[in-house]
N, C-alpha and C. Protein backbone atom coordinates (compact mmCIF):
# COMPACT_ATOMS: atom_id res chain seq x y z
N MET A 1 76.07 53.52 -32.65
CA MET A 1 76.82 53.08 -31.51
C MET A 1 78.25 52.82 -31.94
N THR A 2 79.19 53.19 -31.11
CA THR A 2 80.59 53.01 -31.47
C THR A 2 81.01 51.57 -31.25
N ALA A 3 82.11 51.19 -31.88
CA ALA A 3 82.62 49.83 -31.74
C ALA A 3 83.14 49.62 -30.33
N PRO A 4 82.99 48.39 -29.79
CA PRO A 4 83.47 48.13 -28.43
C PRO A 4 84.97 48.32 -28.33
N GLN A 5 85.40 48.81 -27.19
CA GLN A 5 86.82 49.02 -26.95
C GLN A 5 87.29 47.89 -26.05
N GLU A 6 87.81 46.85 -26.68
CA GLU A 6 88.18 45.63 -25.98
C GLU A 6 89.32 45.81 -24.99
N ASP A 7 90.21 46.77 -25.27
CA ASP A 7 91.39 46.92 -24.43
C ASP A 7 91.15 47.78 -23.19
N ILE A 8 89.97 48.35 -23.04
CA ILE A 8 89.65 49.20 -21.89
C ILE A 8 88.62 48.49 -21.00
N HIS A 9 88.90 48.47 -19.71
CA HIS A 9 87.97 47.86 -18.75
C HIS A 9 86.62 48.59 -18.83
N PRO A 10 85.50 47.86 -18.78
CA PRO A 10 84.18 48.50 -18.91
C PRO A 10 83.97 49.67 -17.95
N ALA A 11 84.50 49.60 -16.74
CA ALA A 11 84.31 50.69 -15.78
C ALA A 11 85.06 51.95 -16.19
N GLN A 12 86.07 51.79 -17.05
CA GLN A 12 86.90 52.91 -17.48
C GLN A 12 86.46 53.50 -18.82
N ARG A 13 85.54 52.84 -19.48
CA ARG A 13 85.10 53.32 -20.80
C ARG A 13 84.25 54.58 -20.65
N PRO A 14 84.38 55.50 -21.57
CA PRO A 14 83.54 56.70 -21.52
C PRO A 14 82.09 56.36 -21.88
N ALA A 15 81.17 57.15 -21.35
CA ALA A 15 79.75 56.95 -21.67
C ALA A 15 79.52 57.26 -23.14
N GLU A 16 78.68 56.45 -23.76
CA GLU A 16 78.37 56.65 -25.16
C GLU A 16 77.07 57.44 -25.26
N PRO A 17 77.06 58.54 -26.00
CA PRO A 17 75.86 59.38 -26.07
C PRO A 17 74.65 58.68 -26.68
N ASP A 18 74.86 57.68 -27.53
CA ASP A 18 73.73 57.01 -28.15
C ASP A 18 73.29 55.76 -27.38
N HIS A 19 73.87 55.55 -26.20
CA HIS A 19 73.47 54.41 -25.36
C HIS A 19 72.98 54.95 -24.02
N PRO A 20 71.74 54.69 -23.65
CA PRO A 20 71.16 55.30 -22.44
C PRO A 20 71.67 54.73 -21.12
N MET A 21 72.56 53.76 -21.14
CA MET A 21 73.08 53.15 -19.93
C MET A 21 71.96 52.54 -19.07
N VAL A 22 71.03 51.91 -19.72
CA VAL A 22 69.92 51.23 -19.06
C VAL A 22 70.18 49.73 -19.16
N VAL A 23 69.91 49.03 -18.07
CA VAL A 23 70.06 47.58 -18.10
C VAL A 23 69.06 47.02 -19.10
N GLU A 24 69.55 46.22 -19.99
CA GLU A 24 68.69 45.63 -21.01
C GLU A 24 68.65 44.12 -20.80
N GLY A 25 67.48 43.57 -20.83
CA GLY A 25 67.35 42.14 -20.65
C GLY A 25 66.67 41.51 -21.85
N GLY A 26 66.75 40.22 -21.89
CA GLY A 26 66.12 39.49 -22.97
C GLY A 26 65.42 38.27 -22.41
N VAL A 27 64.71 37.61 -23.25
CA VAL A 27 63.98 36.41 -22.85
C VAL A 27 64.84 35.20 -23.20
N ILE A 28 64.96 34.31 -22.24
CA ILE A 28 65.68 33.07 -22.47
C ILE A 28 64.75 31.91 -22.15
N PRO A 29 65.00 30.76 -22.73
CA PRO A 29 64.14 29.62 -22.43
C PRO A 29 64.32 29.18 -20.98
N GLY A 30 63.25 28.76 -20.38
CA GLY A 30 63.32 28.29 -19.00
C GLY A 30 61.94 28.14 -18.41
N ASP A 31 61.88 27.85 -17.15
CA ASP A 31 60.63 27.62 -16.43
C ASP A 31 60.23 28.92 -15.74
N THR A 32 59.30 29.66 -16.34
CA THR A 32 58.88 30.95 -15.81
C THR A 32 58.25 30.81 -14.43
N ARG A 33 57.49 29.75 -14.23
CA ARG A 33 56.84 29.54 -12.93
C ARG A 33 57.91 29.36 -11.84
N PHE A 34 58.92 28.55 -12.12
CA PHE A 34 59.98 28.32 -11.14
C PHE A 34 60.75 29.62 -10.86
N MET A 35 61.03 30.39 -11.90
CA MET A 35 61.72 31.66 -11.72
C MET A 35 60.91 32.58 -10.82
N LEU A 36 59.59 32.65 -11.04
CA LEU A 36 58.74 33.50 -10.23
C LEU A 36 58.71 33.02 -8.78
N GLU A 37 58.64 31.72 -8.58
CA GLU A 37 58.67 31.17 -7.21
C GLU A 37 59.95 31.62 -6.50
N CYS A 38 61.08 31.52 -7.17
CA CYS A 38 62.36 31.90 -6.58
C CYS A 38 62.40 33.39 -6.26
N LEU A 39 61.93 34.22 -7.19
CA LEU A 39 61.90 35.66 -6.95
C LEU A 39 61.02 36.00 -5.75
N LEU A 40 59.84 35.41 -5.71
CA LEU A 40 58.91 35.71 -4.62
C LEU A 40 59.47 35.26 -3.29
N GLU A 41 60.06 34.07 -3.25
CA GLU A 41 60.65 33.58 -2.00
C GLU A 41 61.77 34.51 -1.52
N GLU A 42 62.56 35.00 -2.46
CA GLU A 42 63.64 35.92 -2.11
C GLU A 42 63.08 37.22 -1.52
N TYR A 43 62.07 37.78 -2.18
CA TYR A 43 61.46 39.01 -1.67
C TYR A 43 60.80 38.77 -0.31
N LEU A 44 60.13 37.64 -0.15
CA LEU A 44 59.50 37.33 1.14
C LEU A 44 60.55 37.18 2.23
N ALA A 45 61.67 36.57 1.91
CA ALA A 45 62.75 36.41 2.89
C ALA A 45 63.35 37.75 3.28
N GLN A 46 63.26 38.73 2.39
CA GLN A 46 63.77 40.06 2.69
C GLN A 46 62.78 40.87 3.52
N GLY A 47 61.57 40.33 3.72
CA GLY A 47 60.60 41.01 4.56
C GLY A 47 59.44 41.66 3.83
N PHE A 48 59.37 41.52 2.51
CA PHE A 48 58.23 42.08 1.78
C PHE A 48 56.98 41.27 2.12
N THR A 49 55.85 41.94 2.14
CA THR A 49 54.59 41.24 2.39
C THR A 49 53.99 40.78 1.07
N ALA A 50 53.05 39.86 1.15
CA ALA A 50 52.38 39.38 -0.06
C ALA A 50 51.65 40.52 -0.76
N LYS A 51 51.08 41.43 0.02
CA LYS A 51 50.37 42.57 -0.57
C LYS A 51 51.34 43.47 -1.34
N GLN A 52 52.51 43.71 -0.77
CA GLN A 52 53.51 44.52 -1.47
C GLN A 52 53.93 43.85 -2.77
N LEU A 53 54.10 42.54 -2.74
CA LEU A 53 54.51 41.81 -3.94
C LEU A 53 53.42 41.82 -5.00
N GLU A 54 52.17 41.78 -4.58
CA GLU A 54 51.07 41.90 -5.55
C GLU A 54 51.16 43.22 -6.29
N HIS A 55 51.42 44.29 -5.56
CA HIS A 55 51.55 45.61 -6.19
C HIS A 55 52.77 45.67 -7.10
N MET A 56 53.86 45.04 -6.68
CA MET A 56 55.07 45.04 -7.49
C MET A 56 54.87 44.29 -8.80
N MET A 57 54.07 43.22 -8.78
CA MET A 57 53.81 42.46 -10.01
C MET A 57 53.00 43.28 -11.01
N CYS A 58 52.29 44.29 -10.52
CA CYS A 58 51.50 45.15 -11.41
C CYS A 58 52.27 46.38 -11.87
N ASP A 59 53.49 46.54 -11.38
CA ASP A 59 54.30 47.72 -11.69
C ASP A 59 55.39 47.32 -12.68
N SER A 60 55.38 47.93 -13.85
CA SER A 60 56.34 47.58 -14.90
C SER A 60 57.78 47.94 -14.53
N ASN A 61 57.98 48.73 -13.48
CA ASN A 61 59.34 49.03 -13.03
C ASN A 61 60.02 47.80 -12.43
N TYR A 62 59.23 46.85 -11.95
CA TYR A 62 59.77 45.57 -11.46
C TYR A 62 59.67 44.58 -12.62
N GLN A 63 60.62 44.69 -13.54
CA GLN A 63 60.50 44.05 -14.84
C GLN A 63 60.30 42.54 -14.79
N ALA A 64 61.05 41.84 -13.94
CA ALA A 64 60.93 40.38 -13.90
C ALA A 64 59.58 39.95 -13.34
N LEU A 65 59.15 40.57 -12.25
CA LEU A 65 57.85 40.22 -11.66
C LEU A 65 56.72 40.56 -12.62
N TYR A 66 56.82 41.72 -13.22
CA TYR A 66 55.78 42.18 -14.15
C TYR A 66 55.70 41.27 -15.38
N ALA A 67 56.86 40.93 -15.94
CA ALA A 67 56.87 40.07 -17.12
C ALA A 67 56.33 38.68 -16.80
N ALA A 68 56.68 38.16 -15.63
CA ALA A 68 56.17 36.84 -15.24
C ALA A 68 54.66 36.89 -15.08
N ALA A 69 54.16 37.97 -14.49
CA ALA A 69 52.71 38.11 -14.31
C ALA A 69 51.99 38.21 -15.65
N LYS A 70 52.58 38.94 -16.58
CA LYS A 70 51.97 39.07 -17.91
C LYS A 70 52.01 37.73 -18.65
N THR A 71 53.09 36.97 -18.45
CA THR A 71 53.25 35.70 -19.15
C THR A 71 52.34 34.62 -18.56
N LEU A 72 52.34 34.50 -17.25
CA LEU A 72 51.58 33.43 -16.60
C LEU A 72 50.12 33.81 -16.32
N GLY A 73 49.84 35.08 -16.28
CA GLY A 73 48.49 35.54 -15.96
C GLY A 73 48.40 35.91 -14.48
N TRP A 74 47.54 36.88 -14.20
CA TRP A 74 47.43 37.41 -12.85
C TRP A 74 46.90 36.37 -11.86
N GLU A 75 45.96 35.56 -12.30
CA GLU A 75 45.37 34.55 -11.41
C GLU A 75 46.42 33.51 -11.01
N GLU A 76 47.18 33.02 -11.98
CA GLU A 76 48.23 32.03 -11.69
C GLU A 76 49.30 32.63 -10.79
N CYS A 77 49.66 33.88 -11.02
CA CYS A 77 50.68 34.53 -10.18
C CYS A 77 50.18 34.70 -8.76
N GLY A 78 48.92 35.01 -8.59
CA GLY A 78 48.35 35.10 -7.25
C GLY A 78 48.42 33.77 -6.52
N LYS A 79 48.17 32.70 -7.26
CA LYS A 79 48.26 31.34 -6.68
C LYS A 79 49.70 31.03 -6.28
N ILE A 80 50.65 31.34 -7.15
CA ILE A 80 52.07 31.08 -6.87
C ILE A 80 52.52 31.91 -5.67
N LEU A 81 52.07 33.16 -5.60
CA LEU A 81 52.41 34.02 -4.47
C LEU A 81 51.87 33.45 -3.16
N GLY A 82 50.63 32.98 -3.19
CA GLY A 82 50.04 32.37 -1.99
C GLY A 82 50.82 31.15 -1.53
N GLU A 83 51.23 30.33 -2.47
CA GLU A 83 52.01 29.13 -2.14
C GLU A 83 53.37 29.52 -1.56
N ALA A 84 54.02 30.51 -2.17
CA ALA A 84 55.34 30.94 -1.70
C ALA A 84 55.24 31.57 -0.31
N ALA A 85 54.21 32.35 -0.09
CA ALA A 85 54.02 32.99 1.22
C ALA A 85 53.75 31.95 2.30
N ALA A 86 53.02 30.89 1.94
CA ALA A 86 52.74 29.84 2.91
C ALA A 86 54.00 29.07 3.27
N ARG A 87 54.91 28.91 2.31
CA ARG A 87 56.17 28.22 2.57
C ARG A 87 57.17 29.07 3.32
N ALA A 88 57.06 30.38 3.19
CA ALA A 88 58.10 31.28 3.72
C ALA A 88 58.24 31.18 5.23
N GLN A 89 57.15 31.06 5.97
CA GLN A 89 57.17 30.94 7.42
C GLN A 89 58.12 31.93 8.06
N LEU A 90 57.86 33.20 7.85
CA LEU A 90 58.72 34.25 8.38
C LEU A 90 58.29 34.63 9.78
N PHE A 91 59.25 35.04 10.56
CA PHE A 91 59.01 35.54 11.89
C PHE A 91 59.26 37.04 11.84
N ARG A 92 58.23 37.82 12.00
CA ARG A 92 58.37 39.27 11.92
C ARG A 92 58.38 39.87 13.33
N VAL A 93 59.20 40.87 13.50
CA VAL A 93 59.32 41.54 14.77
C VAL A 93 59.19 43.03 14.55
N HIS A 94 58.47 43.69 15.44
CA HIS A 94 58.36 45.14 15.41
C HIS A 94 58.94 45.64 16.72
N VAL A 95 59.97 46.45 16.65
CA VAL A 95 60.65 46.96 17.83
C VAL A 95 60.32 48.44 17.98
N THR A 96 59.93 48.82 19.19
CA THR A 96 59.65 50.21 19.49
C THR A 96 60.47 50.61 20.71
N GLU A 97 61.18 51.70 20.61
CA GLU A 97 61.95 52.21 21.74
C GLU A 97 61.22 53.39 22.34
N THR A 98 61.21 53.43 23.67
CA THR A 98 60.57 54.54 24.36
C THR A 98 61.56 55.14 25.34
N ALA A 99 61.31 56.37 25.74
CA ALA A 99 62.20 57.05 26.68
C ALA A 99 62.07 56.46 28.07
N SER A 100 60.87 56.04 28.43
CA SER A 100 60.68 55.46 29.77
C SER A 100 60.11 54.06 29.62
N PRO A 101 60.69 53.08 30.29
CA PRO A 101 60.19 51.72 30.18
C PRO A 101 58.82 51.58 30.84
N SER A 102 58.01 50.71 30.29
CA SER A 102 56.65 50.53 30.80
C SER A 102 56.51 49.28 31.66
N CYS A 103 57.55 48.51 31.76
CA CYS A 103 57.51 47.23 32.46
C CYS A 103 58.35 47.33 33.74
N PRO A 104 57.83 46.90 34.90
CA PRO A 104 58.58 47.01 36.17
C PRO A 104 59.94 46.32 36.13
N GLN A 105 60.04 45.16 35.48
CA GLN A 105 61.32 44.47 35.40
C GLN A 105 62.34 45.29 34.62
N VAL A 106 61.90 45.91 33.55
CA VAL A 106 62.81 46.74 32.75
C VAL A 106 63.20 47.98 33.54
N GLU A 107 62.25 48.58 34.25
CA GLU A 107 62.55 49.75 35.08
C GLU A 107 63.63 49.40 36.10
N ARG A 108 63.51 48.23 36.73
CA ARG A 108 64.47 47.79 37.73
C ARG A 108 65.85 47.65 37.09
N LEU A 109 65.92 47.07 35.90
CA LEU A 109 67.20 46.92 35.21
C LEU A 109 67.84 48.28 34.91
N PHE A 110 67.01 49.24 34.46
CA PHE A 110 67.52 50.57 34.20
C PHE A 110 68.04 51.22 35.48
N GLU A 111 67.30 51.06 36.57
CA GLU A 111 67.73 51.64 37.85
C GLU A 111 69.04 51.01 38.32
N GLU A 112 69.16 49.69 38.19
CA GLU A 112 70.40 49.01 38.60
C GLU A 112 71.58 49.47 37.75
N ALA A 113 71.36 49.59 36.46
CA ALA A 113 72.44 50.04 35.57
C ALA A 113 72.84 51.47 35.90
N GLU A 114 71.87 52.31 36.22
CA GLU A 114 72.16 53.70 36.57
C GLU A 114 72.94 53.78 37.87
N SER A 115 72.54 52.99 38.87
CA SER A 115 73.25 53.03 40.16
C SER A 115 74.68 52.47 40.01
N GLU A 116 74.85 51.43 39.17
CA GLU A 116 76.19 50.90 38.92
C GLU A 116 77.06 51.94 38.22
N ARG A 117 76.46 52.69 37.30
CA ARG A 117 77.20 53.72 36.59
C ARG A 117 77.64 54.81 37.56
N LYS A 118 76.74 55.21 38.48
CA LYS A 118 77.07 56.25 39.45
C LYS A 118 78.12 55.78 40.43
N GLU A 119 78.07 54.50 40.84
CA GLU A 119 79.05 53.96 41.78
C GLU A 119 80.45 53.93 41.16
N GLY A 120 80.51 53.75 39.87
CA GLY A 120 81.78 53.68 39.18
C GLY A 120 82.43 55.02 38.97
N GLN A 121 81.69 56.12 39.21
CA GLN A 121 82.24 57.47 39.02
C GLN A 121 82.95 57.93 40.29
N PRO A 122 84.04 58.71 40.15
CA PRO A 122 84.77 59.19 41.35
C PRO A 122 84.01 60.27 42.09
């Protein structure tokens, strides 16, 4: 590996052929359980389901979740996930758009909007 070039901004440095440009992490002292709780709460707030997070903890591509699961054990991680999901209290919405409204009130609104649009035309 070549010596660091202190006078060049990192974004401007040329790629080094012997460095794969992969994010590298290390282990630092701390509370692994707390870190996992925070990660899970963040993912839950983004809309991930508990089932999706279970699969992510088993996938080594999700390095932090996977490492926490390996460190704490799968059973403990399942317990932490259940606790985090219970605290999350998310409100999920599924929106479907259709070409024709199925509700009489909505149909009336569409008809009124259409007639107003036509009245406004010369």
